[in-house]
Amino acid sequence: MLVVESGNDLVILDAGGKFPEEWERGIDLIIPDIRYVRNRLSKLRGIAVTHGHEDHIGALPYVVPQLEGIGKVPIYGSALALGFAENKLREARLDDKVALHPVEPGQRVRLGELELEFINVTHTIPASYAIAVHTPAGTIIDTGDFKLDPTPVMGEPTDVERLRRLGDQGVLALFSDTTRVETQGRTPSERVVMETLDRVIRDSRGQTLVATFASNISRVYMVLEAAAKYGKKVAVAGRSMEQNVRTAIQLGYLDPPDGVLLPLNDVLKLPPEKRVLVVTGSQGEASAALARIAADEHKTIHIGAGDIVLISATPVPGNEETVSETIDNLFRRGANVVFSSTEGRVHVSGHAAREELRDMLELVRPRYAAPIHGEYRHMALYRDLAKSVGIPADRVLMTEIGSIVDFENGRGAVRGRAQAGSVFVDRLGDFEPGKVRLRTRDDLTDDGLVTITLVVDAENGKLIAGPEFVTKGLSMESLAGPIRQAEQELKRWLERRPEGEPEVGYLVSQAKGITARSLFRKTKQRPMILPMVLEL
């Protein structure tokens, strides 16, 4: 999330969510702390989103309720990004709290003394934008997530001519994605992934599963094209993916060949070699379809010998162990797994590599460069890159979360930090009234805390000890009975599980869900629940 403020006007650019990492078990989602905006609510003129990926729109259902007092919250972005956002907001029963305004590439929107211009860029999802904010102090550009792919599978290439013209007119500051600055050269085109998918689907003699992000419509498009070519049928599995595909079809971004895309139940009736299933869970997410399939606990999808699972993603740093566990269990079920370590072209990044980041700097020629959307090492390397194209080190603005970048009389500097950081989303069910909690580190235990310790056999997943519950900040007189019942429910579920190497993320998710539902059902209380799984 980036906030641009000038005079009495303030605009939010993106509102992303982050999946918890290995050491954050028990937390459902991490979103930005927006206290800075809430303290200036009268200035807020709207939210603009660069594209429809979770890390850019995933916080909207939790941010919008914090903006009460300004009427319907205006949200601007491409039709596809807003379609995905609308699914989330409708599910959260917030669609009447927002006003969605689809914008086309090249369109400008004036919000007070800020004017937003939306510029087409290439990413792994079509209809992605960089946003130029024209302010009284000068023009700043937020690149969003981008690469300079001249042959995108879907959508138009990055509008380099408009970026060059902005550079000719003068750009005060470029706020740039930096995540692949360590990678020399250029990011390959999405076309190379299409070739791999085509070959895997052509050669598969069993059912084919393709795992990708729910919002990766380009991958779904590639699968549909290959399946049509080889006489196979496609189904998507997972609520979020089903919603996104339906939205992409309604908006005209996807046009499946006749009879190729079918409901899941219809495709599962076909011979295995005729089935192609697109599922969520490419990052080993505990609640996604692939983790449940790998644990053989999916209601309808099962895999075995002869099946192929293609994981069309690279593990996000911090998720490597979870993804490895999922891959191990898929192999254990008898499937052949195609992933980044065995096949280099199952996924290409949507982010610019070093030469493309250099190209962006040379196109817009900003007075100041501000590296964002990366780890600190990425930003430090980007500073070196900026120096190599003639931007002095003192005009590369190094930021941390909460940094305030101030431009006064044409001069830019980092001046202080706002209260900012992470807010942890803790939910029981999805968006049911009273069943979502937003917690900062300061108030994690306000509703009480329950830690659950499980010890399982690392080879077969059998329960060795536990579950052991420890509570803090709760009245045990009133909770003793419900806690015992929750322990028993969880223990019964653990003992019924089929044998197989434990999917720790899935165990954590189920332990939290079973316990939270049991306690809420009997006490209406929502303590923070942190499961810990030890493997021996």
Protein backbone atom coordinates (compact mmCIF):
# COMPACT_ATOMS: atom_id res chain seq x y z
CA MET A 1 0.00 0.00 0.00
CA LEU A 2 1.24 3.44 -0.98
CA VAL A 3 -0.48 6.64 0.14
CA VAL A 4 -0.14 9.88 -1.86
CA GLU A 5 -1.13 13.07 -0.04
CA SER A 6 -1.15 16.66 -1.27
CA GLY A 7 -2.85 19.53 0.53
CA ASN A 8 -6.31 18.39 1.56
CA ASP A 9 -6.37 15.35 -0.74
CA LEU A 10 -5.18 11.80 -0.15
CA VAL A 11 -5.30 8.69 -2.36
CA ILE A 12 -4.46 5.06 -1.52
CA LEU A 13 -2.63 3.06 -4.21
CA ASP A 14 -3.25 -0.67 -3.70
CA ALA A 15 -4.49 -2.48 -0.60
CA GLY A 16 -2.72 -5.82 -0.54
CA GLY A 17 -2.77 -8.84 1.72
CA LYS A 18 0.18 -11.09 2.55
CA PHE A 19 0.01 -14.77 3.36
CA PRO A 20 1.61 -15.72 6.69
CA GLU A 21 5.00 -17.40 6.61
CA GLU A 22 6.17 -20.54 8.42
CA TRP A 23 6.62 -18.81 11.80
CA GLU A 24 3.22 -17.09 11.65
CA ARG A 25 1.06 -20.20 11.94
CA GLY A 26 -2.46 -19.56 13.13
CA ILE A 27 -2.77 -16.20 11.34
CA ASP A 28 -4.98 -16.15 8.25
CA LEU A 29 -3.78 -13.04 6.44
CA ILE A 30 -1.57 -10.00 7.06
CA ILE A 31 -2.72 -6.55 5.96
CA PRO A 32 -1.39 -3.00 6.30
CA ASP A 33 -2.03 -0.90 9.40
CA ILE A 34 -3.93 2.13 8.05
CA ARG A 35 -3.96 4.34 11.15
CA TYR A 36 -2.31 7.13 9.15
CA VAL A 37 -5.26 7.18 6.73
CA ARG A 38 -7.90 6.81 9.46
CA ASN A 39 -6.47 9.88 11.18
CA ARG A 40 -6.95 11.85 7.91
CA LEU A 41 -10.21 10.33 6.76
CA SER A 42 -11.69 13.66 5.63
CA LYS A 43 -8.88 13.91 3.05
CA LEU A 44 -9.41 10.46 1.51
CA ARG A 45 -10.60 10.74 -2.11
CA GLY A 46 -10.42 7.08 -3.11
CA ILE A 47 -8.43 3.89 -3.64
CA ALA A 48 -6.73 2.99 -6.93
CA VAL A 49 -5.44 -0.52 -7.64
CA THR A 50 -2.71 -1.43 -10.10
CA HIS A 51 -3.95 -4.98 -10.77
CA GLY A 52 -6.00 -7.84 -9.39
CA HIS A 53 -3.47 -9.98 -7.50
CA GLU A 54 -4.01 -10.79 -3.84
CA ASP A 55 -1.02 -8.76 -2.68
CA HIS A 56 -2.60 -5.65 -4.22
CA ILE A 57 -6.34 -6.08 -3.52
CA GLY A 58 -6.50 -8.75 -0.78
CA ALA A 59 -6.86 -6.27 2.11
CA LEU A 60 -9.87 -4.45 0.66
CA PRO A 61 -12.50 -6.43 2.64
CA TYR A 62 -10.69 -5.47 5.86
CA VAL A 63 -9.69 -1.90 4.92
CA VAL A 64 -13.09 -0.72 3.67
CA PRO A 65 -14.86 -1.22 7.06
CA GLN A 66 -12.21 1.02 8.64
CA LEU A 67 -13.12 3.91 6.33
CA GLU A 68 -16.65 4.55 7.59
CA GLY A 69 -17.60 8.19 7.52
CA ILE A 70 -16.83 9.11 3.92
CA GLY A 71 -19.83 7.41 2.33
CA LYS A 72 -19.22 4.84 -0.38
CA VAL A 73 -15.48 4.34 -0.84
CA PRO A 74 -14.51 5.07 -4.49
CA ILE A 75 -12.23 2.38 -5.95
CA TYR A 76 -10.55 2.75 -9.37
CA GLY A 77 -8.79 0.15 -11.50
CA SER A 78 -9.16 -2.06 -14.56
CA ALA A 79 -12.44 -3.89 -15.05
CA LEU A 80 -10.71 -7.20 -14.30
CA ALA A 81 -9.05 -6.00 -11.09
CA LEU A 82 -12.32 -4.50 -9.89
CA GLY A 83 -14.19 -7.66 -10.85
CA PHE A 84 -11.90 -9.70 -8.60
CA ALA A 85 -12.19 -7.07 -5.86
CA GLU A 86 -15.98 -7.08 -6.15
CA ASN A 87 -16.06 -10.84 -5.54
CA LYS A 88 -14.20 -10.33 -2.27
CA LEU A 89 -16.29 -7.37 -1.19
CA ARG A 90 -19.58 -9.09 -2.01
CA GLU A 91 -18.52 -12.14 -0.01
CA ALA A 92 -17.76 -9.80 2.91
CA ARG A 93 -21.17 -8.12 2.42
CA LEU A 94 -19.45 -4.84 1.70
CA ASP A 95 -20.43 -4.31 -1.94
CA ASP A 96 -22.88 -1.56 -0.87
CA LYS A 97 -20.04 0.27 0.95
CA VAL A 98 -17.98 0.94 -2.20
CA ALA A 99 -18.37 2.62 -5.58
CA LEU A 100 -16.35 0.79 -8.24
CA HIS A 101 -15.07 2.83 -11.19
CA PRO A 102 -13.48 0.79 -14.03
CA VAL A 103 -10.87 2.74 -15.99
CA GLU A 104 -9.19 2.08 -19.34
CA PRO A 105 -5.48 2.45 -20.14
CA GLY A 106 -4.66 6.10 -20.78
CA GLN A 107 -7.65 7.35 -18.80
CA ARG A 108 -7.19 10.12 -16.23
CA VAL A 109 -9.18 10.60 -13.04
CA ARG A 110 -9.06 13.84 -11.04
CA LEU A 111 -9.36 13.46 -7.28
CA GLY A 112 -9.04 16.91 -5.76
CA GLU A 113 -5.63 18.33 -6.67
CA LEU A 114 -4.36 14.84 -7.54
CA GLU A 115 -4.87 13.47 -11.05
CA LEU A 116 -4.34 9.75 -11.62
CA GLU A 117 -3.32 8.40 -15.02
CA PHE A 118 -3.50 4.64 -15.70
CA ILE A 119 -0.77 3.22 -17.96
CA ASN A 120 -0.85 -0.33 -19.31
CA VAL A 121 2.00 -2.62 -18.18
CA THR A 122 2.64 -6.33 -18.72
CA HIS A 123 2.38 -8.70 -15.76
CA THR A 124 1.14 -12.27 -15.20
CA ILE A 125 -2.42 -10.98 -15.22
CA PRO A 126 -3.94 -8.87 -18.00
CA ALA A 127 -5.20 -5.33 -17.40
CA SER A 128 -2.32 -4.36 -15.10
CA TYR A 129 -1.45 -0.70 -14.71
CA ALA A 130 1.29 1.61 -13.59
CA ILE A 131 -0.24 4.74 -12.08
CA ALA A 132 1.12 8.23 -12.72
CA VAL A 133 -0.05 10.69 -10.08
CA HIS A 134 0.09 14.27 -11.36
CA THR A 135 0.46 16.55 -8.34
CA PRO A 136 1.17 20.27 -7.85
CA ALA A 137 4.74 19.26 -6.88
CA GLY A 138 5.26 17.21 -10.05
CA THR A 139 4.46 13.78 -11.47
CA ILE A 140 5.24 10.61 -9.54
CA ILE A 141 4.87 7.14 -11.02
CA ASP A 142 4.06 3.91 -9.16
CA THR A 143 5.11 1.12 -11.53
CA GLY A 144 2.95 -1.54 -9.85
CA ASP A 145 4.18 -5.04 -10.74
CA PHE A 146 5.54 -4.97 -14.28
CA LYS A 147 7.84 -6.46 -16.86
CA LEU A 148 8.61 -5.48 -20.45
CA ASP A 149 7.28 -8.61 -22.20
CA PRO A 150 6.94 -7.83 -25.94
CA THR A 151 4.83 -10.98 -26.57
CA PRO A 152 2.34 -11.33 -23.68
CA VAL A 153 -0.05 -14.26 -23.86
CA MET A 154 -2.95 -12.03 -22.86
CA GLY A 155 -3.35 -8.26 -23.10
CA GLU A 156 -1.17 -5.58 -24.61
CA PRO A 157 2.57 -4.96 -24.06
CA THR A 158 3.74 -2.27 -21.65
CA ASP A 159 2.99 1.22 -23.04
CA VAL A 160 6.63 2.30 -23.34
CA GLU A 161 5.75 5.24 -25.56
CA ARG A 162 3.54 6.85 -22.92
CA LEU A 163 6.21 6.27 -20.29
CA ARG A 164 8.78 7.90 -22.57
CA ARG A 165 6.52 10.91 -23.15
CA LEU A 166 6.05 11.30 -19.40
CA GLY A 167 9.82 11.25 -19.10
CA ASP A 168 10.07 13.97 -21.74
CA GLN A 169 7.59 16.09 -19.75
CA GLY A 170 9.51 15.52 -16.52
CA VAL A 171 8.94 12.99 -13.74
CA LEU A 172 9.59 14.03 -10.16
CA ALA A 173 9.92 10.50 -8.75
CA LEU A 174 9.64 6.87 -9.82
CA PHE A 175 8.41 4.43 -7.18
CA SER A 176 9.54 1.13 -8.65
CA ASP A 177 9.07 -2.59 -8.12
CA THR A 178 12.50 -4.08 -7.28
CA THR A 179 11.86 -7.75 -6.51
CA ARG A 180 14.00 -9.18 -9.35
CA VAL A 181 16.83 -6.67 -9.41
CA GLU A 182 19.21 -9.51 -8.41
CA THR A 183 18.39 -11.33 -11.67
CA GLN A 184 20.56 -10.30 -14.61
CA GLY A 185 19.08 -9.80 -18.05
CA ARG A 186 15.36 -9.83 -18.77
CA THR A 187 12.42 -11.86 -17.52
CA PRO A 188 11.33 -14.43 -20.15
CA SER A 189 8.01 -14.06 -21.92
CA GLU A 190 4.92 -15.92 -20.76
CA ARG A 191 5.09 -17.72 -24.11
CA VAL A 192 7.71 -20.15 -22.75
CA VAL A 193 5.26 -21.33 -20.05
CA MET A 194 2.62 -21.91 -22.72
CA GLU A 195 5.02 -24.27 -24.51
CA THR A 196 5.57 -26.31 -21.30
CA LEU A 197 1.86 -26.51 -20.50
CA ASP A 198 1.11 -27.58 -24.05
CA ARG A 199 3.67 -30.41 -23.89
CA VAL A 200 2.60 -31.66 -20.43
CA ILE A 201 -1.10 -31.72 -21.34
CA ARG A 202 -0.35 -33.37 -24.71
CA ASP A 203 1.79 -36.15 -23.20
CA SER A 204 -0.24 -36.89 -20.06
CA ARG A 205 -1.71 -40.40 -19.96
CA GLY A 206 -3.58 -39.82 -16.70
CA GLN A 207 -5.45 -36.82 -15.30
CA THR A 208 -3.54 -33.55 -15.28
CA LEU A 209 -3.64 -31.08 -12.40
CA VAL A 210 -2.25 -27.57 -12.87
CA ALA A 211 -1.74 -25.58 -9.66
CA THR A 212 -1.51 -21.81 -9.84
CA PHE A 213 -2.71 -18.64 -8.11
CA ALA A 214 -6.48 -18.14 -8.15
CA SER A 215 -6.06 -14.83 -9.97
CA ASN A 216 -3.65 -16.12 -12.64
CA ILE A 217 -6.08 -15.92 -15.54
CA SER A 218 -3.23 -16.16 -18.06
CA ARG A 219 -2.46 -19.71 -16.86
CA VAL A 220 -6.13 -20.69 -17.16
CA TYR A 221 -6.15 -19.31 -20.71
CA MET A 222 -3.07 -21.40 -21.59
CA VAL A 223 -4.62 -24.56 -20.14
CA LEU A 224 -7.86 -24.03 -22.07
CA GLU A 225 -5.97 -23.55 -25.34
CA ALA A 226 -3.86 -26.69 -24.87
CA ALA A 227 -6.80 -28.84 -23.72
CA ALA A 228 -8.86 -27.80 -26.74
CA LYS A 229 -5.98 -28.73 -29.04
CA TYR A 230 -5.72 -32.27 -27.59
CA GLY A 231 -9.40 -33.06 -27.07
CA LYS A 232 -9.42 -32.76 -23.27
CA LYS A 233 -11.85 -31.08 -20.88
CA VAL A 234 -11.03 -28.53 -18.19
CA ALA A 235 -12.51 -27.78 -14.77
CA VAL A 236 -11.38 -25.32 -12.14
CA ALA A 237 -11.49 -26.21 -8.44
CA GLY A 238 -11.56 -23.85 -5.51
CA ARG A 239 -14.10 -21.14 -4.73
CA SER A 240 -11.79 -18.18 -5.40
CA MET A 241 -10.59 -19.61 -8.70
CA GLU A 242 -14.13 -20.44 -9.80
CA GLN A 243 -15.21 -16.87 -9.01
CA ASN A 244 -12.27 -15.33 -10.83
CA VAL A 245 -12.71 -17.45 -13.95
CA ARG A 246 -16.41 -16.66 -14.03
CA THR A 247 -15.63 -12.94 -13.69
CA ALA A 248 -12.97 -13.07 -16.43
CA ILE A 249 -15.46 -14.76 -18.78
CA GLN A 250 -18.22 -12.24 -18.00
CA LEU A 251 -15.84 -9.33 -18.66
CA GLY A 252 -14.53 -10.81 -21.90
CA TYR A 253 -10.97 -11.54 -20.77
CA LEU A 254 -11.51 -15.28 -21.19
CA ASP A 255 -13.42 -16.89 -24.06
CA PRO A 256 -13.18 -20.67 -23.57
CA PRO A 257 -13.49 -22.81 -26.71
CA ASP A 258 -16.95 -24.40 -26.94
CA GLY A 259 -17.42 -27.38 -24.65
CA VAL A 260 -13.91 -27.31 -23.14
CA LEU A 261 -14.62 -25.69 -19.76
CA LEU A 262 -17.08 -27.82 -17.76
CA PRO A 263 -18.26 -28.11 -14.13
CA LEU A 264 -15.92 -30.14 -11.92
CA ASN A 265 -18.39 -32.98 -11.36
CA ASP A 266 -18.83 -33.43 -15.12
CA VAL A 267 -15.09 -33.56 -15.80
CA LEU A 268 -14.51 -36.08 -12.98
CA LYS A 269 -16.87 -38.50 -14.77
CA LEU A 270 -14.56 -38.59 -17.80
CA PRO A 271 -11.65 -41.03 -18.25
CA PRO A 272 -8.56 -39.72 -16.40
CA GLU A 273 -6.62 -39.03 -19.60
CA LYS A 274 -9.38 -36.61 -20.71
CA ARG A 275 -9.31 -34.49 -17.52
CA VAL A 276 -7.38 -31.30 -16.85
CA LEU A 277 -8.05 -29.69 -13.47
CA VAL A 278 -6.82 -26.22 -12.53
CA VAL A 279 -6.51 -25.88 -8.77
CA THR A 280 -5.27 -23.40 -6.18
CA GLY A 281 -2.39 -24.08 -3.80
CA SER A 282 0.81 -23.48 -5.76
CA GLN A 283 2.39 -21.99 -2.60
CA GLY A 284 1.39 -24.93 -0.40
CA GLU A 285 -1.35 -22.83 1.27
CA ALA A 286 -2.95 -24.97 3.96
CA SER A 287 -6.56 -24.29 3.00
CA ALA A 288 -6.08 -24.47 -0.77
CA ALA A 289 -7.11 -27.40 -2.94
CA LEU A 290 -3.64 -28.79 -3.68
CA ALA A 291 -2.66 -29.27 -0.01
CA ARG A 292 -5.92 -31.14 0.63
CA ILE A 293 -5.43 -33.27 -2.49
CA ALA A 294 -1.85 -34.08 -1.42
CA ALA A 295 -3.15 -35.11 2.02
CA ASP A 296 -5.89 -37.18 0.29
CA GLU A 297 -8.53 -35.17 2.14
CA HIS A 298 -10.20 -33.38 -0.76
CA LYS A 299 -13.89 -34.22 -1.04
CA THR A 300 -13.91 -34.99 -4.75
CA ILE A 301 -10.41 -34.88 -6.26
CA HIS A 302 -8.04 -37.81 -5.74
CA ILE A 303 -4.79 -38.59 -7.51
CA GLY A 304 -2.80 -41.73 -8.10
CA ALA A 305 -0.31 -43.48 -10.34
CA GLY A 306 -0.16 -42.07 -13.85
CA ASP A 307 -1.46 -38.62 -12.91
CA ILE A 308 0.61 -35.48 -13.52
CA VAL A 309 0.63 -32.43 -11.25
CA LEU A 310 2.21 -29.31 -12.71
CA ILE A 311 2.94 -26.60 -10.13
CA SER A 312 3.04 -23.43 -12.20
CA ALA A 313 4.71 -21.13 -9.68
CA THR A 314 8.00 -20.55 -7.90
CA PRO A 315 7.85 -20.77 -4.09
CA VAL A 316 7.65 -17.37 -2.44
CA PRO A 317 10.59 -16.95 -0.02
CA GLY A 318 9.49 -18.41 3.31
CA ASN A 319 7.13 -20.95 1.70
CA GLU A 320 9.77 -23.40 0.45
CA GLU A 321 9.28 -25.96 3.22
CA THR A 322 5.49 -25.95 2.89
CA VAL A 323 5.68 -26.39 -0.89
CA SER A 324 8.22 -29.22 -0.45
CA GLU A 325 5.88 -31.08 1.92
CA THR A 326 3.06 -30.80 -0.60
CA ILE A 327 5.28 -32.06 -3.43
CA ASP A 328 6.50 -35.00 -1.30
CA ASN A 329 2.94 -36.07 -0.53
CA LEU A 330 1.89 -35.76 -4.18
CA PHE A 331 4.72 -38.11 -5.14
CA ARG A 332 3.67 -40.38 -2.26
CA ARG A 333 0.20 -40.65 -3.84
CA GLY A 334 1.87 -41.95 -7.02
CA ALA A 335 1.66 -38.77 -9.11
CA ASN A 336 4.44 -37.41 -11.27
CA VAL A 337 5.07 -33.81 -10.17
CA VAL A 338 6.44 -31.21 -12.58
CA PHE A 339 7.78 -28.16 -10.74
CA SER A 340 10.46 -25.49 -10.97
CA SER A 341 13.33 -27.75 -9.86
CA THR A 342 12.55 -30.40 -12.48
CA GLU A 343 11.33 -28.23 -15.34
CA GLY A 344 12.62 -24.69 -15.60
CA ARG A 345 9.72 -23.30 -17.65
CA VAL A 346 6.66 -24.12 -15.54
CA HIS A 347 6.52 -20.49 -14.45
CA VAL A 348 8.09 -17.19 -15.36
CA SER A 349 8.00 -14.19 -13.10
CA GLY A 350 5.72 -11.24 -13.70
CA HIS A 351 8.42 -8.91 -12.39
CA ALA A 352 11.09 -7.02 -14.29
CA ALA A 353 14.66 -8.29 -14.12
CA ARG A 354 17.65 -5.96 -13.87
CA GLU A 355 17.81 -4.79 -17.51
CA GLU A 356 14.08 -4.05 -17.61
CA LEU A 357 14.34 -2.05 -14.38
CA ARG A 358 17.15 -0.12 -16.06
CA ASP A 359 14.93 0.42 -19.13
CA MET A 360 12.16 1.85 -16.94
CA LEU A 361 14.59 4.31 -15.35
CA GLU A 362 15.86 5.36 -18.78
CA LEU A 363 12.34 5.73 -20.15
CA VAL A 364 11.00 8.06 -17.45
CA ARG A 365 14.30 9.67 -16.34
CA PRO A 366 13.01 10.63 -12.88
CA ARG A 367 14.64 13.28 -10.72
CA TYR A 368 14.24 10.91 -7.74
CA ALA A 369 13.97 7.13 -7.56
CA ALA A 370 12.29 5.34 -4.67
CA PRO A 371 12.70 1.54 -4.67
CA ILE A 372 9.66 -0.20 -3.15
CA HIS A 373 8.07 -3.66 -3.19
CA GLY A 374 11.20 -5.61 -2.30
CA GLU A 375 13.46 -6.66 0.55
CA TYR A 376 16.06 -4.15 1.72
CA ARG A 377 18.80 -5.86 -0.29
CA HIS A 378 16.69 -5.41 -3.43
CA MET A 379 16.33 -1.71 -2.70
CA ALA A 380 20.08 -1.36 -2.05
CA LEU A 381 20.89 -3.06 -5.35
CA TYR A 382 18.34 -0.86 -7.11
CA ARG A 383 20.14 2.18 -5.68
CA ASP A 384 23.31 0.98 -7.40
CA LEU A 385 21.36 0.46 -10.63
CA ALA A 386 19.92 3.99 -10.43
CA LYS A 387 23.42 5.41 -9.93
CA SER A 388 24.54 3.59 -13.09
CA VAL A 389 21.99 5.55 -15.17
CA GLY A 390 22.98 8.89 -13.70
CA ILE A 391 20.78 9.31 -10.63
CA PRO A 392 23.01 10.37 -7.71
CA ALA A 393 22.84 8.28 -4.53
CA ASP A 394 21.35 11.20 -2.58
CA ARG A 395 18.38 11.18 -4.97
CA VAL A 396 17.57 7.50 -4.37
CA LEU A 397 15.08 7.54 -1.50
CA MET A 398 15.47 4.44 0.67
CA THR A 399 12.26 3.63 2.50
CA GLU A 400 11.00 1.27 5.18
CA ILE A 401 7.39 0.42 6.05
CA GLY A 402 5.82 3.66 7.25
CA SER A 403 8.44 5.98 5.74
CA ILE A 404 7.15 9.46 4.85
CA VAL A 405 8.67 10.71 1.59
CA ASP A 406 8.24 14.47 1.38
CA PHE A 407 8.64 16.64 -1.73
CA GLU A 408 8.91 20.33 -0.94
CA ASN A 409 9.96 22.96 -3.49
CA GLY A 410 11.00 20.16 -5.85
CA ARG A 411 13.31 18.54 -3.31
CA GLY A 412 12.64 15.03 -2.00
CA ALA A 413 13.66 13.41 1.25
CA VAL A 414 12.56 10.72 3.68
CA ARG A 415 11.30 12.66 6.70
CA GLY A 416 10.11 10.55 9.59
CA ARG A 417 7.83 7.54 9.81
CA ALA A 418 4.12 7.14 10.27
CA GLN A 419 2.58 4.55 12.56
CA ALA A 420 2.45 1.57 10.26
CA GLY A 421 3.15 -2.13 10.09
CA SER A 422 1.21 -5.38 10.05
CA VAL A 423 -2.32 -6.16 11.16
CA PHE A 424 -3.13 -9.85 11.56
CA VAL A 425 -6.45 -11.12 10.24
CA ASP A 426 -7.92 -13.87 12.38
CA ARG A 427 -11.12 -15.27 10.99
CA LEU A 428 -13.49 -18.13 11.73
CA GLY A 429 -15.34 -18.93 8.56
CA ASP A 430 -15.23 -16.32 5.82
CA PHE A 431 -16.56 -12.89 6.65
CA GLU A 432 -19.44 -14.04 8.82
CA PRO A 433 -20.59 -11.19 11.10
CA GLY A 434 -18.66 -11.18 14.37
CA LYS A 435 -16.24 -13.84 13.16
CA VAL A 436 -13.36 -11.69 11.92
CA ARG A 437 -10.80 -10.07 14.19
CA LEU A 438 -8.07 -7.62 13.18
CA ARG A 439 -5.19 -7.78 15.64
CA THR A 440 -1.98 -5.80 15.95
CA ARG A 441 1.00 -7.10 17.90
CA ASP A 442 -0.10 -4.85 20.78
CA ASP A 443 -3.53 -6.41 21.22
CA LEU A 444 -2.95 -10.05 20.18
CA THR A 445 -4.11 -11.38 23.55
CA ASP A 446 -6.99 -8.95 24.27
CA ASP A 447 -9.48 -11.74 23.54
CA GLY A 448 -7.34 -14.37 25.21
CA LEU A 449 -4.81 -16.78 23.75
CA VAL A 450 -4.90 -20.55 23.24
CA THR A 451 -1.76 -22.40 22.18
CA ILE A 452 -2.12 -25.97 20.94
CA THR A 453 0.86 -28.32 20.88
CA LEU A 454 0.83 -31.47 18.74
CA VAL A 455 3.60 -34.02 18.33
CA VAL A 456 3.30 -36.19 15.21
CA ASP A 457 5.38 -38.88 13.55
CA ALA A 458 7.36 -37.22 10.75
CA GLU A 459 7.10 -40.31 8.55
CA ASN A 460 3.47 -41.36 8.81
CA GLY A 461 1.73 -38.37 10.41
CA LYS A 462 0.37 -40.37 13.36
CA LEU A 463 -0.34 -38.49 16.56
CA ILE A 464 2.35 -39.20 19.18
CA ALA A 465 1.33 -36.74 21.89
CA GLY A 466 -1.26 -34.04 22.47
CA PRO A 467 -3.16 -32.07 21.61
CA GLU A 468 -2.14 -30.07 24.66
CA PHE A 469 -3.95 -26.77 25.22
CA VAL A 470 -2.49 -23.84 27.19
CA THR A 471 -4.60 -20.71 27.72
CA LYS A 472 -3.78 -17.14 28.68
CA GLY A 473 -6.17 -14.33 29.54
CA LEU A 474 -9.24 -16.60 29.67
CA SER A 475 -11.51 -17.56 32.55
CA MET A 476 -10.91 -21.28 32.94
CA GLU A 477 -13.95 -21.71 35.19
CA SER A 478 -16.27 -20.94 32.31
CA LEU A 479 -14.05 -22.43 29.61
CA ALA A 480 -12.90 -25.69 31.21
CA GLY A 481 -15.72 -27.73 29.66
CA PRO A 482 -15.58 -26.19 26.16
CA ILE A 483 -11.76 -26.49 26.10
CA ARG A 484 -11.99 -30.21 26.95
CA GLN A 485 -14.61 -30.68 24.24
CA ALA A 486 -12.44 -28.86 21.69
CA GLU A 487 -9.48 -31.05 22.64
CA GLN A 488 -11.56 -34.19 22.12
CA GLU A 489 -12.91 -33.00 18.74
CA LEU A 490 -9.42 -32.21 17.54
CA LYS A 491 -8.00 -35.50 18.82
CA ARG A 492 -10.73 -37.50 17.05
CA TRP A 493 -9.98 -35.72 13.77
CA LEU A 494 -6.22 -36.32 14.14
CA GLU A 495 -6.71 -40.02 14.84
CA ARG A 496 -8.97 -40.45 11.81
CA ARG A 497 -6.44 -38.95 9.38
CA PRO A 498 -4.96 -41.31 6.77
CA GLU A 499 -1.28 -42.15 7.11
CA GLY A 500 1.27 -40.13 5.18
CA GLU A 501 3.95 -37.53 5.81
CA PRO A 502 2.20 -34.72 7.69
CA GLU A 503 1.37 -31.52 5.84
CA VAL A 504 2.24 -29.20 8.71
CA GLY A 505 0.43 -26.21 7.22
CA TYR A 506 -2.72 -28.28 6.74
CA LEU A 507 -2.50 -29.67 10.29
CA VAL A 508 -2.15 -26.14 11.67
CA SER A 509 -5.10 -24.89 9.62
CA GLN A 510 -7.36 -27.74 10.72
CA ALA A 511 -6.26 -27.55 14.37
CA LYS A 512 -7.07 -23.86 14.44
CA GLY A 513 -10.37 -24.22 12.57
CA ILE A 514 -11.73 -27.14 14.62
CA THR A 515 -10.78 -25.48 17.92
CA ALA A 516 -12.03 -22.01 16.97
CA ARG A 517 -15.38 -23.32 15.74
CA SER A 518 -15.85 -25.49 18.82
CA LEU A 519 -15.09 -22.64 21.26
CA PHE A 520 -17.16 -20.08 19.36
CA ARG A 521 -20.11 -22.46 19.13
CA LYS A 522 -20.15 -23.02 22.89
CA THR A 523 -18.88 -19.73 24.32
CA LYS A 524 -19.17 -17.06 21.55
CA GLN A 525 -15.59 -16.12 22.45
CA ARG A 526 -12.84 -15.57 19.88
CA PRO A 527 -9.43 -16.10 21.50
CA MET A 528 -6.31 -16.04 19.37
CA ILE A 529 -5.39 -19.64 18.54
CA LEU A 530 -1.77 -20.53 17.75
CA PRO A 531 -1.14 -24.22 16.92
CA MET A 532 2.40 -25.62 17.07
CA VAL A 533 3.18 -28.90 15.34
CA LEU A 534 6.37 -30.77 16.28
CA GLU A 535 7.55 -33.58 14.00
CA LEU A 536 9.57 -36.49 15.42
